Amino acid sequence: MKAISVKNLTYSYDEHHIAIDDISFDIMQGSYVSIIGPNGSGKSTLAKLIDGLISSNKGEIKIFDTTLDRKNVNKLRQRIGIVFQNPDNQFISSTVEDDIAFGLENQNVDPALMKDIVLEYAKKVKMSDYLDKEPSNLSGGQKQRVAIAGVLALNRDIIIFDEATSMLDPKGREDIRNLIKQLRKSNPNLTMLSITHDIEEAYLSDYVIILNKGKIVKQGNHDEIFSNLDELKSLGFETPFFATIKEKLQKRGYDLKNINNIEELINKLCQLM
């Protein structure tokens, strides 16, 4: 089933600046899709269009086969959660527990059930030991974990990560990548869309859409995007570290066709030694 379907979508902030220029793509339920591109390529604008925060000038967006329009935008937005670039902009409460609970309170969830829900999702993101802490005292990676817990607690069908790792240090980015892996295992029907500059993050996804100046310059599954590293470089991207190592080993004769991450690579090499 298609979680998101975009057809001939166009959006312009004014007569001279076309941010999204006649693009089309589909995102299947349960998939993990990355949208990458340089600054000004239209990535964040596209995220806002999909979430109904702004309306397109032309084209169509469907969320689970229902057209996104003014009549049903509020209903469809209940199926989508967004984790923004700066987690500080999402905090409004004095403790981690209250912040995770905030969205549940807005949805009038029974207070008798709320504490267990908060505990469940704090545990999923490994923040259950920080429930009484002030968000301002957390690291960048911990803040993003809390923001993600708040979205997960709302039981959305789609999560959009809008540059959610760009302000984090390498350890924080790695934490969020590992969390995404865990979320995929625990909820195979959850659809995740990552708007990112991070090519290493994009490497983890099933499908990649590359935007430039509002247009799709390339889209495809993991193998179609990362099997040709020279083409990726020609589009202005550094190649992922793992993909570079894998390519060099394959040129030396190693069969690594079904190896997709560093852990699998290490295990494979140990078996061959």
Protein backbone atom coordinates (compact mmCIF):
# COMPACT_ATOMS: atom_id res chain seq x y z
CA MET A 1 0.00 0.00 0.00
CA LYS A 2 1.19 3.53 -0.78
CA ALA A 3 1.66 5.61 2.34
CA ILE A 4 2.48 8.75 0.33
CA SER A 5 1.84 9.42 -3.35
CA VAL A 6 3.01 12.64 -4.99
CA LYS A 7 2.02 13.48 -8.57
CA ASN A 8 3.13 16.50 -10.64
CA LEU A 9 3.64 18.56 -7.50
CA THR A 10 4.62 22.22 -7.91
CA TYR A 11 5.06 24.92 -5.31
CA SER A 12 6.28 28.50 -5.66
CA TYR A 13 6.84 31.02 -2.87
CA ASP A 14 6.51 33.80 -5.44
CA GLU A 15 6.40 34.25 -9.21
CA HIS A 16 10.18 33.97 -9.54
CA HIS A 17 11.12 31.22 -7.08
CA ILE A 18 9.83 27.73 -7.85
CA ALA A 19 10.74 25.63 -4.82
CA ILE A 20 9.18 22.37 -6.07
CA ASP A 21 9.01 21.85 -9.80
CA ASP A 22 6.61 19.19 -11.13
CA ILE A 23 7.83 16.15 -9.15
CA SER A 24 6.27 12.71 -8.73
CA PHE A 25 7.10 9.73 -6.51
CA ASP A 26 5.52 7.06 -4.31
CA ILE A 27 6.47 5.91 -0.81
CA MET A 28 5.24 2.48 0.23
CA GLN A 29 3.94 1.73 3.71
CA GLY A 30 6.67 0.39 5.99
CA SER A 31 9.52 1.77 3.89
CA TYR A 32 12.33 4.08 4.91
CA VAL A 33 12.95 6.80 2.31
CA SER A 34 15.58 9.53 2.28
CA ILE A 35 15.30 12.81 0.38
CA ILE A 36 18.71 14.38 -0.11
CA GLY A 37 19.99 17.45 -1.91
CA PRO A 38 21.94 20.68 -1.43
CA ASN A 39 20.65 23.74 0.41
CA GLY A 40 17.82 25.34 -1.53
CA SER A 41 16.93 22.11 -3.34
CA GLY A 42 13.38 22.09 -1.93
CA LYS A 43 13.70 19.31 0.67
CA SER A 44 12.15 21.09 3.65
CA THR A 45 9.49 22.68 1.45
CA LEU A 46 8.50 19.20 0.32
CA ALA A 47 8.22 18.04 3.95
CA LYS A 48 5.89 20.95 4.72
CA LEU A 49 3.74 20.13 1.69
CA ILE A 50 3.41 16.48 2.69
CA ASP A 51 2.44 17.46 6.23
CA GLY A 52 -0.13 19.96 4.99
CA LEU A 53 1.62 22.96 6.55
CA ILE A 54 1.54 24.68 3.15
CA SER A 55 -0.61 24.01 0.07
CA SER A 56 0.73 23.22 -3.39
CA ASN A 57 0.12 25.43 -6.43
CA LYS A 58 -0.34 22.41 -8.66
CA GLY A 59 -0.39 18.63 -8.42
CA GLU A 60 -1.64 16.13 -5.87
CA ILE A 61 -0.54 14.52 -2.63
CA LYS A 62 -2.26 11.42 -1.31
CA ILE A 63 -1.81 10.01 2.19
CA PHE A 64 -2.91 6.37 2.27
CA ASP A 65 -4.99 6.91 -0.90
CA THR A 66 -6.78 10.00 0.46
CA THR A 67 -6.11 13.30 -1.31
CA LEU A 68 -4.59 15.96 0.92
CA ASP A 69 -6.70 19.11 0.65
CA ARG A 70 -8.19 21.82 2.85
CA LYS A 71 -11.21 19.67 3.67
CA ASN A 72 -9.29 16.81 5.29
CA VAL A 73 -5.83 18.25 6.05
CA ASN A 74 -6.36 18.18 9.83
CA LYS A 75 -7.53 14.57 9.74
CA LEU A 76 -4.60 13.40 7.62
CA ARG A 77 -2.08 15.30 9.73
CA GLN A 78 -3.13 13.05 12.61
CA ARG A 79 -1.37 10.24 10.74
CA ILE A 80 1.94 12.12 10.40
CA GLY A 81 4.54 13.13 12.97
CA ILE A 82 7.53 15.40 12.33
CA VAL A 83 10.86 15.55 14.14
CA PHE A 84 12.47 18.90 13.36
CA GLN A 85 16.07 19.98 12.93
CA ASN A 86 16.32 21.79 16.27
CA PRO A 87 14.80 19.74 19.12
CA ASP A 88 14.79 22.81 21.39
CA ASN A 89 11.98 24.22 19.24
CA GLN A 90 9.79 21.24 20.17
CA PHE A 91 10.16 21.40 23.94
CA ILE A 92 7.50 23.25 25.91
CA SER A 93 7.47 21.40 29.25
CA SER A 94 9.75 21.47 32.29
CA THR A 95 10.55 17.74 32.33
CA VAL A 96 11.11 14.97 29.80
CA GLU A 97 8.05 13.09 31.08
CA ASP A 98 5.76 16.10 30.68
CA ASP A 99 7.11 16.81 27.23
CA ILE A 100 6.44 13.29 25.95
CA ALA A 101 2.96 13.47 27.50
CA PHE A 102 2.09 16.85 25.96
CA GLY A 103 0.77 15.50 22.64
CA LEU A 104 -1.24 12.84 24.45
CA GLU A 105 -2.89 15.51 26.58
CA ASN A 106 -3.86 17.42 23.44
CA GLN A 107 -5.49 14.27 22.12
CA ASN A 108 -7.45 13.83 25.35
CA VAL A 109 -5.87 10.48 26.18
CA ASP A 110 -7.15 9.05 29.46
CA PRO A 111 -4.75 10.27 32.21
CA ALA A 112 -4.92 6.80 33.77
CA LEU A 113 -3.31 5.38 30.61
CA MET A 114 -0.93 8.23 29.89
CA LYS A 115 1.86 7.37 32.32
CA ASP A 116 2.24 3.84 30.96
CA ILE A 117 2.33 5.18 27.39
CA VAL A 118 5.01 7.72 28.29
CA LEU A 119 7.08 5.04 30.04
CA GLU A 120 6.73 2.67 27.07
CA TYR A 121 8.07 5.15 24.52
CA ALA A 122 10.72 6.61 26.81
CA LYS A 123 12.03 3.07 27.15
CA LYS A 124 11.99 2.56 23.37
CA VAL A 125 14.30 5.54 22.91
CA LYS A 126 16.40 4.67 25.97
CA MET A 127 15.38 7.77 27.93
CA SER A 128 13.43 6.16 30.79
CA ASP A 129 16.15 7.18 33.28
CA TYR A 130 15.72 10.86 32.36
CA LEU A 131 11.98 11.39 32.82
CA ASP A 132 12.40 13.87 35.67
CA LYS A 133 15.19 15.82 33.94
CA GLU A 134 14.81 19.24 32.35
CA PRO A 135 15.17 19.01 28.54
CA SER A 136 17.63 21.91 28.59
CA ASN A 137 20.10 19.73 30.52
CA LEU A 138 20.18 16.98 27.89
CA SER A 139 22.68 16.47 25.08
CA GLY A 140 21.62 17.08 21.48
CA GLY A 141 21.18 13.37 20.80
CA GLN A 142 19.14 12.89 23.98
CA LYS A 143 16.90 15.81 23.07
CA GLN A 144 16.18 14.27 19.68
CA ARG A 145 15.38 10.95 21.36
CA VAL A 146 12.81 12.74 23.54
CA ALA A 147 11.33 14.50 20.49
CA ILE A 148 11.05 11.15 18.71
CA ALA A 149 9.43 9.56 21.79
CA GLY A 150 6.81 12.32 21.78
CA VAL A 151 5.97 11.55 18.15
CA LEU A 152 5.96 7.77 18.69
CA ALA A 153 3.62 8.10 21.66
CA LEU A 154 1.03 9.62 19.33
CA ASN A 155 1.05 6.38 17.28
CA ARG A 156 1.50 8.06 13.90
CA ASP A 157 1.66 6.02 10.70
CA ILE A 158 4.33 8.23 9.12
CA ILE A 159 7.31 9.95 10.74
CA ILE A 160 9.18 12.70 8.89
CA PHE A 161 12.70 13.49 10.11
CA ASP A 162 13.33 17.02 8.83
CA GLU A 163 17.13 17.44 9.07
CA ALA A 164 16.78 15.80 12.49
CA THR A 165 20.49 14.92 12.78
CA SER A 166 22.09 17.99 11.20
CA MET A 167 22.75 19.78 14.51
CA LEU A 168 24.13 16.71 16.28
CA ASP A 169 27.71 15.62 16.83
CA PRO A 170 28.87 12.30 15.27
CA LYS A 171 27.86 10.34 18.39
CA GLY A 172 24.40 11.93 18.38
CA ARG A 173 23.91 11.16 14.67
CA GLU A 174 24.96 7.56 15.22
CA ASP A 175 22.50 7.28 18.13
CA ILE A 176 19.62 8.44 15.92
CA ARG A 177 20.64 6.09 13.08
CA ASN A 178 20.64 3.16 15.50
CA LEU A 179 17.27 4.24 16.88
CA ILE A 180 15.81 4.28 13.36
CA LYS A 181 17.06 0.71 12.86
CA GLN A 182 15.38 -0.34 16.13
CA LEU A 183 12.10 1.36 15.18
CA ARG A 184 12.02 -0.48 11.87
CA LYS A 185 12.44 -3.83 13.61
CA SER A 186 9.80 -3.14 16.26
CA ASN A 187 7.20 -1.68 13.87
CA PRO A 188 7.53 -2.92 10.26
CA ASN A 189 4.45 -0.92 9.17
CA LEU A 190 5.89 2.42 10.27
CA THR A 191 6.77 4.61 7.28
CA MET A 192 9.78 6.88 7.73
CA LEU A 193 10.81 9.80 5.55
CA SER A 194 14.18 11.43 6.21
CA ILE A 195 14.97 14.89 4.85
CA THR A 196 18.74 14.98 5.21
CA HIS A 197 22.18 16.16 4.12
CA ASP A 198 23.71 13.08 5.73
CA ILE A 199 24.71 10.60 3.03
CA GLU A 200 25.51 7.99 5.70
CA GLU A 201 21.93 8.25 6.94
CA ALA A 202 20.59 8.01 3.39
CA TYR A 203 22.63 4.84 2.92
CA LEU A 204 20.47 3.10 5.53
CA SER A 205 17.24 3.75 3.66
CA ASP A 206 15.34 1.56 1.21
CA TYR A 207 14.75 4.28 -1.35
CA VAL A 208 16.48 7.60 -2.09
CA ILE A 209 15.17 10.70 -3.86
CA ILE A 210 17.77 13.28 -4.91
CA LEU A 211 16.49 16.84 -5.33
CA ASN A 212 18.22 19.81 -6.94
CA LYS A 213 16.60 23.18 -7.63
CA GLY A 214 13.16 21.75 -6.95
CA LYS A 215 13.49 18.87 -9.41
CA ILE A 216 14.15 15.17 -8.92
CA VAL A 217 17.50 14.45 -10.56
CA LYS A 218 17.57 10.78 -9.55
CA GLN A 219 15.47 8.36 -7.52
CA GLY A 220 15.72 4.67 -6.89
CA ASN A 221 16.13 1.85 -4.43
CA HIS A 222 19.24 1.39 -2.32
CA ASP A 223 21.15 -0.60 -4.94
CA GLU A 224 20.22 1.71 -7.82
CA ILE A 225 21.53 4.76 -5.97
CA PHE A 226 24.64 3.33 -4.30
CA SER A 227 25.87 0.81 -6.87
CA ASN A 228 27.35 3.65 -8.97
CA LEU A 229 29.50 5.73 -6.65
CA ASP A 230 31.01 7.77 -9.49
CA GLU A 231 27.54 8.97 -10.49
CA LEU A 232 26.83 9.90 -6.87
CA LYS A 233 30.03 11.96 -6.80
CA SER A 234 29.04 13.68 -10.05
CA LEU A 235 25.84 14.84 -8.32
CA GLY A 236 27.93 16.52 -5.63
CA PHE A 237 27.79 13.95 -2.83
CA GLU A 238 30.54 12.29 -0.88
CA THR A 239 30.21 8.53 -1.03
CA PRO A 240 29.24 6.75 2.20
CA PHE A 241 32.23 5.28 4.07
CA PHE A 242 30.75 1.79 4.14
CA ALA A 243 29.89 1.87 0.42
CA THR A 244 33.46 2.92 -0.41
CA ILE A 245 34.98 0.09 1.66
CA LYS A 246 32.54 -2.44 0.20
CA GLU A 247 33.33 -1.38 -3.37
CA LYS A 248 37.08 -1.69 -2.82
CA LEU A 249 36.72 -5.16 -1.29
CA GLN A 250 34.48 -6.31 -4.13
CA LYS A 251 37.12 -5.18 -6.64
CA ARG A 252 39.54 -7.47 -4.81
CA GLY A 253 37.21 -10.42 -5.39
CA TYR A 254 35.12 -10.59 -2.23
CA ASP A 255 31.48 -11.56 -2.74
CA LEU A 256 29.58 -8.95 -0.68
CA LYS A 257 26.39 -8.77 -2.75
CA ASN A 258 23.97 -9.10 0.19
CA ILE A 259 26.06 -7.21 2.77
CA ASN A 260 24.35 -3.91 3.67
CA ASN A 261 25.99 -2.59 6.85
CA ILE A 262 29.29 -2.57 8.69
CA GLU A 263 28.26 -5.24 11.19
CA GLU A 264 27.39 -7.68 8.40
CA LEU A 265 30.65 -6.83 6.65
CA ILE A 266 32.74 -7.57 9.75
CA ASN A 267 30.96 -10.90 10.28
CA LYS A 268 31.45 -11.85 6.63
CA LEU A 269 35.16 -11.03 6.68
CA CYS A 270 35.63 -13.00 9.91
CA GLN A 271 34.02 -16.02 8.26
CA LEU A 272 36.39 -15.76 5.31
CA MET A 273 39.52 -15.61 7.45
